[in-house]
Amino acid sequence: MTARACPPGLAKKDPACLPPGQARKVGDIIDLRRVHVVTRPGLYGVRDAPSGQRYAIVNGRLMRVDSETGRILSILRVVEAILD
C-alpha cells in the first residue's frame, strides 16, 4: 500500500500504513500458512531464493524467509500487488 492510500495518521509512519506493533522486522517468525508465499519470484524482480529459503509477501512487503522456521531473513521492499 502506498503512503498516498493510507489514513493520514499512518502515512508518516515507518513502515507506512501499518499501525504501531504490526510491522514485522528481521528476526521475527511468521506463520508461512498465513501469508502469501511467492511461487514466481521473477515477477517481483528477484531470482530464486537460496536453498532453504523462500520469498513471502507480508503486510505488503516482499521478504526473504527461512522455509522451515518462518524467520524473516531480510525485508526487500514494498509491493503494490500480489503478482503470482
Protein backbone atom coordinates (compact mmCIF):
# COMPACT_ATOMS: atom_id res chain seq x y z
CA MET A 1 0.00 0.00 0.00
CA THR A 2 1.39 3.41 -0.88
CA ALA A 3 1.55 6.24 1.60
CA ARG A 4 -1.00 8.13 -0.53
CA ALA A 5 -3.61 5.45 0.14
CA CYS A 6 -3.04 5.42 3.91
CA PRO A 7 -5.05 7.19 6.56
CA PRO A 8 -3.26 10.45 7.45
CA GLY A 9 -2.01 9.21 10.81
CA LEU A 10 -0.36 6.13 9.31
CA ALA A 11 1.08 7.68 6.15
CA LYS A 12 4.03 9.19 8.01
CA LYS A 13 4.87 6.02 9.95
CA ASP A 14 7.86 3.88 9.07
CA PRO A 15 6.87 1.49 7.65
CA ALA A 16 3.98 3.44 6.15
CA CYS A 17 0.38 2.26 6.57
CA LEU A 18 0.99 -0.13 9.46
CA PRO A 19 -0.32 0.59 12.94
CA PRO A 20 2.34 0.52 15.68
CA GLY A 21 3.18 -3.02 16.75
CA GLN A 22 2.09 -4.68 13.49
CA ALA A 23 5.26 -4.08 11.47
CA ARG A 24 7.44 -7.16 11.06
CA LYS A 25 11.21 -6.94 11.36
CA VAL A 26 14.21 -9.12 10.56
CA GLY A 27 14.37 -11.98 13.04
CA ASP A 28 10.61 -12.18 13.62
CA ILE A 29 8.97 -15.52 12.93
CA ILE A 30 5.90 -15.65 10.70
CA ASP A 31 3.44 -18.45 10.02
CA LEU A 32 4.00 -19.28 6.35
CA ARG A 33 0.47 -20.69 6.18
CA ARG A 34 -0.95 -17.22 6.87
CA VAL A 35 0.99 -15.15 4.32
CA HIS A 36 1.38 -15.22 0.54
CA VAL A 37 4.37 -17.39 -0.33
CA VAL A 38 5.84 -16.28 -3.67
CA THR A 39 5.88 -19.03 -6.29
CA ARG A 40 7.23 -16.97 -9.21
CA PRO A 41 10.00 -14.72 -7.85
CA GLY A 42 10.88 -13.35 -11.30
CA LEU A 43 7.58 -11.45 -11.33
CA TYR A 44 8.94 -9.45 -8.38
CA GLY A 45 12.34 -8.85 -9.96
CA VAL A 46 14.25 -11.33 -7.79
CA ARG A 47 15.97 -14.61 -8.58
CA ASP A 48 15.02 -17.91 -6.98
CA ALA A 49 15.63 -17.84 -3.24
CA PRO A 50 18.69 -19.68 -1.92
CA SER A 51 18.20 -23.28 -0.81
CA GLY A 52 16.15 -23.46 2.39
CA GLN A 53 14.65 -20.01 1.87
CA ARG A 54 11.54 -18.55 0.24
CA TYR A 55 10.07 -15.19 -0.54
CA ALA A 56 6.79 -14.13 1.02
CA ILE A 57 4.54 -11.09 0.93
CA VAL A 58 3.83 -9.92 4.47
CA ASN A 59 1.78 -6.77 5.07
CA GLY A 60 2.51 -5.57 1.53
CA ARG A 61 6.26 -6.14 1.79
CA LEU A 62 8.44 -8.64 -0.06
CA MET A 63 10.52 -10.60 2.45
CA ARG A 64 13.02 -13.45 2.31
CA VAL A 65 12.25 -16.06 4.96
CA ASP A 66 13.60 -19.37 6.21
CA SER A 67 11.49 -22.15 4.66
CA GLU A 68 11.39 -24.25 7.81
CA THR A 69 11.16 -21.78 10.69
CA GLY A 70 9.46 -18.83 9.01
CA ARG A 71 12.12 -16.49 10.42
CA ILE A 72 12.37 -13.24 8.44
CA LEU A 73 15.88 -13.01 6.98
CA SER A 74 15.52 -9.75 5.05
CA ILE A 75 12.88 -7.22 4.07
CA LEU A 76 13.34 -6.30 0.44
CA ARG A 77 10.71 -3.70 -0.46
CA VAL A 78 7.06 -2.69 -0.61
CA VAL A 79 4.99 -4.38 -3.31
CA GLU A 80 1.90 -2.80 -4.81
CA ALA A 81 0.15 -6.07 -5.71
CA ILE A 82 0.45 -9.83 -5.47
CA LEU A 83 1.56 -10.95 -8.92
CA ASP A 84 1.54 -14.76 -8.64
